[in-house]
PDB file of N, CA and C in Angstrom:
ATOM      1  N   MET A   1       0.838  -1.170   0.000  1.00  0.00           N
ATOM      2  CA  MET A   1       0.000   0.000   0.000  1.00  0.00           C
ATOM      3  C   MET A   1       0.892   1.246   0.000  1.00  0.00           C
ATOM      4  N   VAL A   2       0.558   2.206  -0.856  1.00  0.00           N
ATOM      5  CA  VAL A   2       1.300   3.449  -0.964  1.00  0.00           C
ATOM      6  C   VAL A   2       0.437   4.577  -0.430  1.00  0.00           C
ATOM      7  N   ILE A   3       0.993   5.355   0.470  1.00  0.00           N
ATOM      8  CA  ILE A   3       0.278   6.504   1.023  1.00  0.00           C
ATOM      9  C   ILE A   3       0.946   7.763   0.496  1.00  0.00           C
ATOM     10  N   ILE A   4       0.158   8.619  -0.087  1.00  0.00           N
ATOM     11  CA  ILE A   4       0.670   9.877  -0.619  1.00  0.00           C
ATOM     12  C   ILE A   4       0.168  11.006   0.261  1.00  0.00           C
ATOM     13  N   ILE A   5       1.101  11.765   0.776  1.00  0.00           N
ATOM     14  CA  ILE A   5       0.758  12.913   1.603  1.00  0.00           C
ATOM     15  C   ILE A   5       1.015  14.167   0.774  1.00  0.00           C
ATOM     16  N   VAL A   6       0.016  14.990   0.655  1.00  0.00           N
ATOM     17  CA  VAL A   6       0.128  16.199  -0.148  1.00  0.00           C
ATOM     18  C   VAL A   6       0.158  17.399   0.781  1.00  0.00           C
ATOM     19  N   ASN A   7       1.152  18.195   0.615  1.00  0.00           N
ATOM     20  CA  ASN A   7       1.260  19.428   1.383  1.00  0.00           C
ATOM     21  C   ASN A   7       0.664  20.543   0.526  1.00  0.00           C
ATOM     22  N   HIS A   8      -0.543  20.990   0.848  1.00  0.00           N
ATOM     23  CA  HIS A   8      -1.230  21.998   0.045  1.00  0.00           C
ATOM     24  C   HIS A   8      -0.513  23.335   0.052  1.00  0.00           C
ATOM     25  N   LEU A   9       0.197  23.651   1.146  1.00  0.00           N
ATOM     26  CA  LEU A   9       0.945  24.899   1.198  1.00  0.00           C
ATOM     27  C   LEU A   9       2.059  24.884   0.161  1.00  0.00           C
ATOM     28  N   VAL A  10       2.745  23.754   0.027  1.00  0.00           N
ATOM     29  CA  VAL A  10       3.805  23.640  -0.983  1.00  0.00           C
ATOM     30  C   VAL A  10       3.209  23.758  -2.371  1.00  0.00           C
ATOM     31  N   GLU A  11       2.071  23.106  -2.608  1.00  0.00           N
ATOM     32  CA  GLU A  11       1.424  23.202  -3.912  1.00  0.00           C
ATOM     33  C   GLU A  11       1.038  24.643  -4.223  1.00  0.00           C
ATOM     34  N   GLN A  12       0.503  25.364  -3.251  1.00  0.00           N
ATOM     35  CA  GLN A  12       0.128  26.757  -3.478  1.00  0.00           C
ATOM     36  C   GLN A  12       1.361  27.585  -3.806  1.00  0.00           C
ATOM     37  N   ASN A  13       2.469  27.359  -3.085  1.00  0.00           N
ATOM     38  CA  ASN A  13       3.690  28.091  -3.362  1.00  0.00           C
ATOM     39  C   ASN A  13       4.224  27.754  -4.744  1.00  0.00           C
ATOM     40  N   ASN A  14       4.118  26.478  -5.153  1.00  0.00           N
ATOM     41  CA  ASN A  14       4.555  26.097  -6.494  1.00  0.00           C
ATOM     42  C   ASN A  14       3.717  26.789  -7.553  1.00  0.00           C
ATOM     43  N   ASP A  15       2.404  26.848  -7.340  1.00  0.00           N
ATOM     44  CA  ASP A  15       1.533  27.542  -8.288  1.00  0.00           C
ATOM     45  C   ASP A  15       1.913  29.018  -8.367  1.00  0.00           C
ATOM     46  N   LYS A  16       2.186  29.609  -7.219  1.00  0.00           N
ATOM     47  CA  LYS A  16       2.560  31.020  -7.172  1.00  0.00           C
ATOM     48  C   LYS A  16       3.869  31.241  -7.927  1.00  0.00           C
ATOM     49  N   LEU A  17       4.857  30.389  -7.675  1.00  0.00           N
ATOM     50  CA  LEU A  17       6.142  30.508  -8.375  1.00  0.00           C
ATOM     51  C   LEU A  17       5.974  30.279  -9.872  1.00  0.00           C
ATOM     52  N   ASP A  18       5.159  29.306 -10.251  1.00  0.00           N
ATOM     53  CA  ASP A  18       4.904  29.061 -11.678  1.00  0.00           C
ATOM     54  C   ASP A  18       4.356  30.316 -12.345  1.00  0.00           C
ATOM     55  N   ASN A  19       3.404  30.978 -11.684  1.00  0.00           N
ATOM     56  CA  ASN A  19       2.812  32.196 -12.242  1.00  0.00           C
ATOM     57  C   ASN A  19       3.838  33.318 -12.346  1.00  0.00           C
ATOM     58  N   ILE A  20       4.690  33.444 -11.336  1.00  0.00           N
ATOM     59  CA  ILE A  20       5.712  34.497 -11.353  1.00  0.00           C
ATOM     60  C   ILE A  20       6.689  34.263 -12.499  1.00  0.00           C
ATOM     61  N   PHE A  21       7.218  33.038 -12.588  1.00  0.00           N
ATOM     62  CA  PHE A  21       8.211  32.766 -13.627  1.00  0.00           C
ATOM     63  C   PHE A  21       7.600  32.804 -15.021  1.00  0.00           C
ATOM     64  N   GLN A  22       6.352  32.392 -15.150  1.00  0.00           N
ATOM     65  CA  GLN A  22       5.670  32.497 -16.445  1.00  0.00           C
ATOM     66  C   GLN A  22       5.533  33.967 -16.844  1.00  0.00           C
ATOM     67  N   ALA A  23       5.149  34.792 -15.889  1.00  0.00           N
ATOM     68  CA  ALA A  23       4.984  36.220 -16.175  1.00  0.00           C
ATOM     69  C   ALA A  23       6.314  36.856 -16.571  1.00  0.00           C
ATOM     70  N   LEU A  24       7.386  36.471 -15.886  1.00  0.00           N
ATOM     71  CA  LEU A  24       8.691  37.069 -16.157  1.00  0.00           C
ATOM     72  C   LEU A  24       9.400  36.445 -17.361  1.00  0.00           C
ATOM     73  N   ALA A  25       8.843  35.392 -17.923  1.00  0.00           N
ATOM     74  CA  ALA A  25       9.454  34.748 -19.090  1.00  0.00           C
ATOM     75  C   ALA A  25       9.345  35.617 -20.338  1.00  0.00           C
ATOM     76  N   ASP A  26       8.411  36.527 -20.348  1.00  0.00           N
ATOM     77  CA  ASP A  26       8.188  37.376 -21.530  1.00  0.00           C
ATOM     78  C   ASP A  26       9.000  38.662 -21.419  1.00  0.00           C
ATOM     79  N   PRO A  27       9.792  39.010 -22.449  1.00  0.00           N
ATOM     80  CA  PRO A  27      10.621  40.223 -22.366  1.00  0.00           C
ATOM     81  C   PRO A  27       9.813  41.517 -22.234  1.00  0.00           C
ATOM     82  N   THR A  28       8.639  41.574 -22.821  1.00  0.00           N
ATOM     83  CA  THR A  28       7.803  42.770 -22.688  1.00  0.00           C
ATOM     84  C   THR A  28       7.378  42.945 -21.235  1.00  0.00           C
ATOM     85  N   ARG A  29       6.969  41.860 -20.600  1.00  0.00           N
ATOM     86  CA  ARG A  29       6.550  41.966 -19.202  1.00  0.00           C
ATOM     87  C   ARG A  29       7.728  42.301 -18.290  1.00  0.00           C
ATOM     88  N   ARG A  30       8.912  41.774 -18.580  1.00  0.00           N
ATOM     89  CA  ARG A  30      10.086  42.143 -17.774  1.00  0.00           C
ATOM     90  C   ARG A  30      10.377  43.634 -17.911  1.00  0.00           C
ATOM     91  N   GLU A  31      10.211  44.164 -19.105  1.00  0.00           N
ATOM     92  CA  GLU A  31      10.429  45.603 -19.316  1.00  0.00           C
ATOM     93  C   GLU A  31       9.370  46.415 -18.583  1.00  0.00           C
ATOM     94  N   ILE A  32       8.135  45.952 -18.577  1.00  0.00           N
ATOM     95  CA  ILE A  32       7.070  46.638 -17.845  1.00  0.00           C
ATOM     96  C   ILE A  32       7.412  46.672 -16.362  1.00  0.00           C
ATOM     97  N   VAL A  33       7.882  45.551 -15.813  1.00  0.00           N
ATOM     98  CA  VAL A  33       8.280  45.507 -14.401  1.00  0.00           C
ATOM     99  C   VAL A  33       9.395  46.510 -14.151  1.00  0.00           C
ATOM    100  N   ARG A  34      10.363  46.563 -15.048  1.00  0.00           N
ATOM    101  CA  ARG A  34      11.466  47.518 -14.898  1.00  0.00           C
ATOM    102  C   ARG A  34      10.946  48.950 -14.863  1.00  0.00           C
ATOM    103  N   LEU A  35       9.955  49.237 -15.691  1.00  0.00           N
ATOM    104  CA  LEU A  35       9.421  50.598 -15.780  1.00  0.00           C
ATOM    105  C   LEU A  35       8.714  51.037 -14.501  1.00  0.00           C
ATOM    106  N   PHE A  36       7.959  50.145 -13.871  1.00  0.00           N
ATOM    107  CA  PHE A  36       7.243  50.581 -12.670  1.00  0.00           C
ATOM    108  C   PHE A  36       7.938  50.169 -11.372  1.00  0.00           C
ATOM    109  N   ALA A  37       9.132  49.614 -11.484  1.00  0.00           N
ATOM    110  CA  ALA A  37       9.859  49.204 -10.272  1.00  0.00           C
ATOM    111  C   ALA A  37      10.279  50.402  -9.425  1.00  0.00           C
ATOM    112  N   SER A  38      10.654  51.492 -10.065  1.00  0.00           N
ATOM    113  CA  SER A  38      11.134  52.652  -9.309  1.00  0.00           C
ATOM    114  C   SER A  38      10.022  53.633  -8.953  1.00  0.00           C
ATOM    115  N   ASN A  39       8.990  53.695  -9.786  1.00  0.00           N
ATOM    116  CA  ASN A  39       7.873  54.624  -9.553  1.00  0.00           C
ATOM    117  C   ASN A  39       6.565  53.980  -9.975  1.00  0.00           C
ATOM    118  N   ASP A  40       5.504  54.345  -9.292  1.00  0.00           N
ATOM    119  CA  ASP A  40       4.179  53.927  -9.747  1.00  0.00           C
ATOM    120  C   ASP A  40       3.949  54.531 -11.126  1.00  0.00           C
ATOM    121  N   ARG A  41       3.269  53.787 -11.991  1.00  0.00           N
ATOM    122  CA  ARG A  41       2.991  54.265 -13.349  1.00  0.00           C
ATOM    123  C   ARG A  41       1.551  53.956 -13.719  1.00  0.00           C
ATOM    124  N   THR A  42       1.008  54.797 -14.568  1.00  0.00           N
ATOM    125  CA  THR A  42      -0.314  54.512 -15.117  1.00  0.00           C
ATOM    126  C   THR A  42      -0.139  53.514 -16.260  1.00  0.00           C
ATOM    127  N   VAL A  43      -1.229  52.873 -16.633  1.00  0.00           N
ATOM    128  CA  VAL A  43      -1.186  51.934 -17.753  1.00  0.00           C
ATOM    129  C   VAL A  43      -0.742  52.668 -19.016  1.00  0.00           C
ATOM    130  N   SER A  44      -1.208  53.876 -19.224  1.00  0.00           N
ATOM    131  CA  SER A  44      -0.811  54.653 -20.403  1.00  0.00           C
ATOM    132  C   SER A  44       0.688  54.943 -20.402  1.00  0.00           C
ATOM    133  N   GLU A  45       1.243  55.269 -19.235  1.00  0.00           N
ATOM    134  CA  GLU A  45       2.688  55.508 -19.136  1.00  0.00           C
ATOM    135  C   GLU A  45       3.473  54.231 -19.427  1.00  0.00           C
ATOM    136  N   LEU A  46       2.953  53.105 -18.975  1.00  0.00           N
ATOM    137  CA  LEU A  46       3.630  51.845 -19.250  1.00  0.00           C
ATOM    138  C   LEU A  46       3.553  51.466 -20.721  1.00  0.00           C
ATOM    139  N   ALA A  47       2.471  51.851 -21.377  1.00  0.00           N
ATOM    140  CA  ALA A  47       2.285  51.503 -22.784  1.00  0.00           C
ATOM    141  C   ALA A  47       3.115  52.374 -23.723  1.00  0.00           C
ATOM    142  N   ALA A  48       3.446  53.585 -23.297  1.00  0.00           N
ATOM    143  CA  ALA A  48       4.102  54.558 -24.183  1.00  0.00           C
ATOM    144  C   ALA A  48       5.356  54.043 -24.896  1.00  0.00           C
ATOM    145  N   PRO A  49       6.278  53.362 -24.219  1.00  0.00           N
ATOM    146  CA  PRO A  49       7.504  52.950 -24.905  1.00  0.00           C
ATOM    147  C   PRO A  49       7.336  51.783 -25.886  1.00  0.00           C
ATOM    148  N   PHE A  50       6.177  51.147 -25.901  1.00  0.00           N
ATOM    149  CA  PHE A  50       5.990  49.943 -26.708  1.00  0.00           C
ATOM    150  C   PHE A  50       5.216  50.238 -27.981  1.00  0.00           C
ATOM    151  N   ASP A  51       5.553  49.513 -29.023  1.00  0.00           N
ATOM    152  CA  ASP A  51       4.851  49.634 -30.290  1.00  0.00           C
ATOM    153  C   ASP A  51       3.742  48.584 -30.349  1.00  0.00           C
ATOM    154  N   MET A  52       2.786  48.728 -29.427  1.00  0.00           N
ATOM    155  CA  MET A  52       1.638  47.822 -29.394  1.00  0.00           C
ATOM    156  C   MET A  52       0.446  48.565 -28.821  1.00  0.00           C
ATOM    157  N   SER A  53      -0.703  47.994 -29.007  1.00  0.00           N
ATOM    158  CA  SER A  53      -1.934  48.648 -28.573  1.00  0.00           C
ATOM    159  C   SER A  53      -2.044  48.674 -27.046  1.00  0.00           C
ATOM    160  N   LEU A  54      -2.879  49.577 -26.570  1.00  0.00           N
ATOM    161  CA  LEU A  54      -3.159  49.651 -25.143  1.00  0.00           C
ATOM    162  C   LEU A  54      -3.806  48.351 -24.648  1.00  0.00           C
ATOM    163  N   ALA A  55      -4.614  47.732 -25.500  1.00  0.00           N
ATOM    164  CA  ALA A  55      -5.246  46.458 -25.142  1.00  0.00           C
ATOM    165  C   ALA A  55      -4.193  45.363 -24.952  1.00  0.00           C
ATOM    166  N   ALA A  56      -3.175  45.341 -25.794  1.00  0.00           N
ATOM    167  CA  ALA A  56      -2.112  44.335 -25.674  1.00  0.00           C
ATOM    168  C   ALA A  56      -1.315  44.556 -24.389  1.00  0.00           C
ATOM    169  N   ILE A  57      -1.009  45.813 -24.087  1.00  0.00           N
ATOM    170  CA  ILE A  57      -0.292  46.115 -22.844  1.00  0.00           C
ATOM    171  C   ILE A  57      -1.149  45.718 -21.645  1.00  0.00           C
ATOM    172  N   SER A  58      -2.446  45.975 -21.724  1.00  0.00           N
ATOM    173  CA  SER A  58      -3.354  45.613 -20.627  1.00  0.00           C
ATOM    174  C   SER A  58      -3.340  44.107 -20.376  1.00  0.00           C
ATOM    175  N   LYS A  59      -3.232  43.312 -21.435  1.00  0.00           N
ATOM    176  CA  LYS A  59      -3.158  41.856 -21.265  1.00  0.00           C
ATOM    177  C   LYS A  59      -1.879  41.471 -20.526  1.00  0.00           C
ATOM    178  N   HIS A  60      -0.766  42.108 -20.891  1.00  0.00           N
ATOM    179  CA  HIS A  60       0.498  41.847 -20.194  1.00  0.00           C
ATOM    180  C   HIS A  60       0.379  42.236 -18.717  1.00  0.00           C
ATOM    181  N   ILE A  61      -0.249  43.361 -18.464  1.00  0.00           N
ATOM    182  CA  ILE A  61      -0.415  43.839 -17.086  1.00  0.00           C
ATOM    183  C   ILE A  61      -1.284  42.864 -16.285  1.00  0.00           C
ATOM    184  N   LYS A  62      -2.310  42.307 -16.914  1.00  0.00           N
ATOM    185  CA  LYS A  62      -3.159  41.333 -16.223  1.00  0.00           C
ATOM    186  C   LYS A  62      -2.375  40.080 -15.845  1.00  0.00           C
ATOM    187  N   VAL A  63      -1.458  39.651 -16.708  1.00  0.00           N
ATOM    188  CA  VAL A  63      -0.622  38.493 -16.385  1.00  0.00           C
ATOM    189  C   VAL A  63       0.258  38.805 -15.179  1.00  0.00           C
ATOM    190  N   LEU A  64       0.852  39.997 -15.167  1.00  0.00           N
ATOM    191  CA  LEU A  64       1.689  40.414 -14.042  1.00  0.00           C
ATOM    192  C   LEU A  64       0.874  40.539 -12.761  1.00  0.00           C
ATOM    193  N   GLU A  65      -0.336  41.039 -12.896  1.00  0.00           N
ATOM    194  CA  GLU A  65      -1.220  41.191 -11.733  1.00  0.00           C
ATOM    195  C   GLU A  65      -1.638  39.823 -11.186  1.00  0.00           C
ATOM    196  N   ARG A  66      -1.974  38.897 -12.087  1.00  0.00           N
ATOM    197  CA  ARG A  66      -2.369  37.552 -11.677  1.00  0.00           C
ATOM    198  C   ARG A  66      -1.207  36.835 -10.977  1.00  0.00           C
ATOM    199  N   ALA A  67       0.019  37.135 -11.381  1.00  0.00           N
ATOM    200  CA  ALA A  67       1.205  36.542 -10.751  1.00  0.00           C
ATOM    201  C   ALA A  67       1.534  37.220  -9.428  1.00  0.00           C
ATOM    202  N   GLY A  68       0.831  38.301  -9.129  1.00  0.00           N
ATOM    203  CA  GLY A  68       1.064  39.011  -7.877  1.00  0.00           C
ATOM    204  C   GLY A  68       2.246  39.960  -7.930  1.00  0.00           C
ATOM    205  N   LEU A  69       2.761  40.222  -9.129  1.00  0.00           N
ATOM    206  CA  LEU A  69       3.926  41.092  -9.262  1.00  0.00           C
ATOM    207  C   LEU A  69       3.570  42.567  -9.208  1.00  0.00           C
ATOM    208  N   LEU A  70       2.316  42.878  -9.442  1.00  0.00           N
ATOM    209  CA  LEU A  70       1.910  44.269  -9.353  1.00  0.00           C
ATOM    210  C   LEU A  70       0.551  44.380  -8.718  1.00  0.00           C
ATOM    211  N   ASN A  71       0.342  45.521  -8.120  1.00  0.00           N
ATOM    212  CA  ASN A  71      -0.967  45.889  -7.585  1.00  0.00           C
ATOM    213  C   ASN A  71      -1.468  47.045  -8.429  1.00  0.00           C
ATOM    214  N   LYS A  72      -2.726  46.967  -8.810  1.00  0.00           N
ATOM    215  CA  LYS A  72      -3.305  48.015  -9.644  1.00  0.00           C
ATOM    216  C   LYS A  72      -4.431  48.674  -8.867  1.00  0.00           C
ATOM    217  N   THR A  73      -4.387  49.992  -8.800  1.00  0.00           N
ATOM    218  CA  THR A  73      -5.465  50.749  -8.174  1.00  0.00           C
ATOM    219  C   THR A  73      -6.096  51.640  -9.231  1.00  0.00           C
ATOM    220  N   THR A  74      -7.330  52.021  -8.991  1.00  0.00           N
ATOM    221  CA  THR A  74      -8.049  52.845  -9.952  1.00  0.00           C
ATOM    222  C   THR A  74      -8.466  54.138  -9.285  1.00  0.00           C
ATOM    223  N   LYS A  75      -8.140  55.231  -9.936  1.00  0.00           N
ATOM    224  CA  LYS A  75      -8.597  56.552  -9.510  1.00  0.00           C
ATOM    225  C   LYS A  75      -9.335  57.157 -10.696  1.00  0.00           C
ATOM    226  N   GLY A  76     -10.658  57.127 -10.593  1.00  0.00           N
ATOM    227  CA  GLY A  76     -11.455  57.582 -11.730  1.00  0.00           C
ATOM    228  C   GLY A  76     -11.270  56.612 -12.880  1.00  0.00           C
ATOM    229  N   ARG A  77     -10.783  57.129 -14.013  1.00  0.00           N
ATOM    230  CA  ARG A  77     -10.529  56.277 -15.180  1.00  0.00           C
ATOM    231  C   ARG A  77      -9.052  55.906 -15.305  1.00  0.00           C
ATOM    232  N   THR A  78      -8.261  56.324 -14.334  1.00  0.00           N
ATOM    233  CA  THR A  78      -6.820  56.079 -14.384  1.00  0.00           C
ATOM    234  C   THR A  78      -6.467  54.852 -13.560  1.00  0.00           C
ATOM    235  N   HIS A  79      -5.747  53.932 -14.186  1.00  0.00           N
ATOM    236  CA  HIS A  79      -5.272  52.729 -13.507  1.00  0.00           C
ATOM    237  C   HIS A  79      -3.788  52.906 -13.194  1.00  0.00           C
ATOM    238  N   ILE A  80      -3.443  52.789 -11.921  1.00  0.00           N
ATOM    239  CA  ILE A  80      -2.067  53.002 -11.472  1.00  0.00           C
ATOM    240  C   ILE A  80      -1.477  51.668 -11.041  1.00  0.00           C
ATOM    241  N   CYS A  81      -0.286  51.364 -11.564  1.00  0.00           N
ATOM    242  CA  CYS A  81       0.387  50.100 -11.273  1.00  0.00           C
ATOM    243  C   CYS A  81       1.538  50.339 -10.310  1.00  0.00           C
ATOM    244  N   ARG A  82       1.640  49.441  -9.344  1.00  0.00           N
ATOM    245  CA  ARG A  82       2.686  49.530  -8.313  1.00  0.00           C
ATOM    246  C   ARG A  82       3.300  48.142  -8.156  1.00  0.00           C
ATOM    247  N   LEU A  83       4.611  48.092  -8.026  1.00  0.00           N
ATOM    248  CA  LEU A  83       5.315  46.830  -7.828  1.00  0.00           C
ATOM    249  C   LEU A  83       4.941  46.208  -6.492  1.00  0.00           C
ATOM    250  N   ASN A  84       4.751  44.899  -6.486  1.00  0.00           N
ATOM    251  CA  ASN A  84       4.530  44.154  -5.253  1.00  0.00           C
ATOM    252  C   ASN A  84       5.822  43.386  -4.959  1.00  0.00           C
ATOM    253  N   PRO A  85       6.700  43.941  -4.134  1.00  0.00           N
ATOM    254  CA  PRO A  85       8.003  43.312  -3.909  1.00  0.00           C
ATOM    255  C   PRO A  85       7.924  41.964  -3.192  1.00  0.00           C
ATOM    256  N   ASP A  86       6.825  41.685  -2.498  1.00  0.00           N
ATOM    257  CA  ASP A  86       6.699  40.403  -1.802  1.00  0.00           C
ATOM    258  C   ASP A  86       6.738  39.224  -2.771  1.00  0.00           C
ATOM    259  N   SER A  87       6.104  39.367  -3.927  1.00  0.00           N
ATOM    260  CA  SER A  87       6.116  38.291  -4.922  1.00  0.00           C
ATOM    261  C   SER A  87       7.521  38.061  -5.458  1.00  0.00           C
ATOM    262  N   LEU A  88       8.229  39.133  -5.710  1.00  0.00           N
ATOM    263  CA  LEU A  88       9.605  38.978  -6.176  1.00  0.00           C
ATOM    264  C   LEU A  88      10.464  38.338  -5.102  1.00  0.00           C
ATOM    265  N   SER A  89      10.178  38.634  -3.855  1.00  0.00           N
ATOM    266  CA  SER A  89      10.945  38.044  -2.754  1.00  0.00           C
ATOM    267  C   SER A  89      10.791  36.528  -2.723  1.00  0.00           C
ATOM    268  N   SER A  90       9.589  36.037  -2.947  1.00  0.00           N
ATOM    269  CA  SER A  90       9.386  34.590  -2.918  1.00  0.00           C
ATOM    270  C   SER A  90      10.145  33.912  -4.060  1.00  0.00           C
ATOM    271  N   ALA A  91      10.191  34.544  -5.231  1.00  0.00           N
ATOM    272  CA  ALA A  91      10.957  33.986  -6.350  1.00  0.00           C
ATOM    273  C   ALA A  91      12.454  34.055  -6.063  1.00  0.00           C
ATOM    274  N   THR A  92      12.896  35.140  -5.464  1.00  0.00           N
ATOM    275  CA  THR A  92      14.309  35.295  -5.120  1.00  0.00           C
ATOM    276  C   THR A  92      14.735  34.246  -4.098  1.00  0.00           C
ATOM    277  N   GLU A  93      13.891  34.010  -3.108  1.00  0.00           N
ATOM    278  CA  GLU A  93      14.203  32.991  -2.095  1.00  0.00           C
ATOM    279  C   GLU A  93      14.337  31.616  -2.736  1.00  0.00           C
ATOM    280  N   TRP A  94      13.464  31.306  -3.669  1.00  0.00           N
ATOM    281  CA  TRP A  94      13.520  30.011  -4.334  1.00  0.00           C
ATOM    282  C   TRP A  94      14.822  29.899  -5.125  1.00  0.00           C
ATOM    283  N   LEU A  95      15.178  30.936  -5.862  1.00  0.00           N
ATOM    284  CA  LEU A  95      16.415  30.920  -6.647  1.00  0.00           C
ATOM    285  C   LEU A  95      17.652  30.852  -5.746  1.00  0.00           C
ATOM    286  N   ARG A  96      17.618  31.585  -4.655  1.00  0.00           N
ATOM    287  CA  ARG A  96      18.760  31.627  -3.740  1.00  0.00           C
ATOM    288  C   ARG A  96      19.082  30.242  -3.186  1.00  0.00           C
ATOM    289  N   PHE A  97      18.073  29.425  -2.978  1.00  0.00           N
ATOM    290  CA  PHE A  97      18.282  28.074  -2.476  1.00  0.00           C
ATOM    291  C   PHE A  97      19.218  27.279  -3.402  1.00  0.00           C
ATOM    292  N   TYR A  98      19.149  27.566  -4.715  1.00  0.00           N
ATOM    293  CA  TYR A  98      19.917  26.787  -5.702  1.00  0.00           C
ATOM    294  C   TYR A  98      21.239  27.453  -6.082  1.00  0.00           C
ATOM    295  N   GLU A  99      21.573  28.563  -5.462  1.00  0.00           N
ATOM    296  CA  GLU A  99      22.850  29.229  -5.755  1.00  0.00           C
ATOM    297  C   GLU A  99      24.014  28.407  -5.249  1.00  0.00           C
TER     298      GLU A  99
END
């Protein structure tokens, strides 16, 4: 008889890490993170340097938000993006283990 014990906390952390690394796998999303890492930015400010539609940038931002890499707040019609350093910390801790 084989007994399998599943640690749901580990699974949740793996899912979280998968989302973070998936989000950071795309060069456009890495550049977006770089842009709002030092200052909060609006979606329009984040879209300005890219040769793509606002809708395409919004999709990238949603991936970053789903991964927990950014927090988005809304003031009127303006969406402001802010880096969530806690998510990056969890990815850094995982990488540091393998250094």
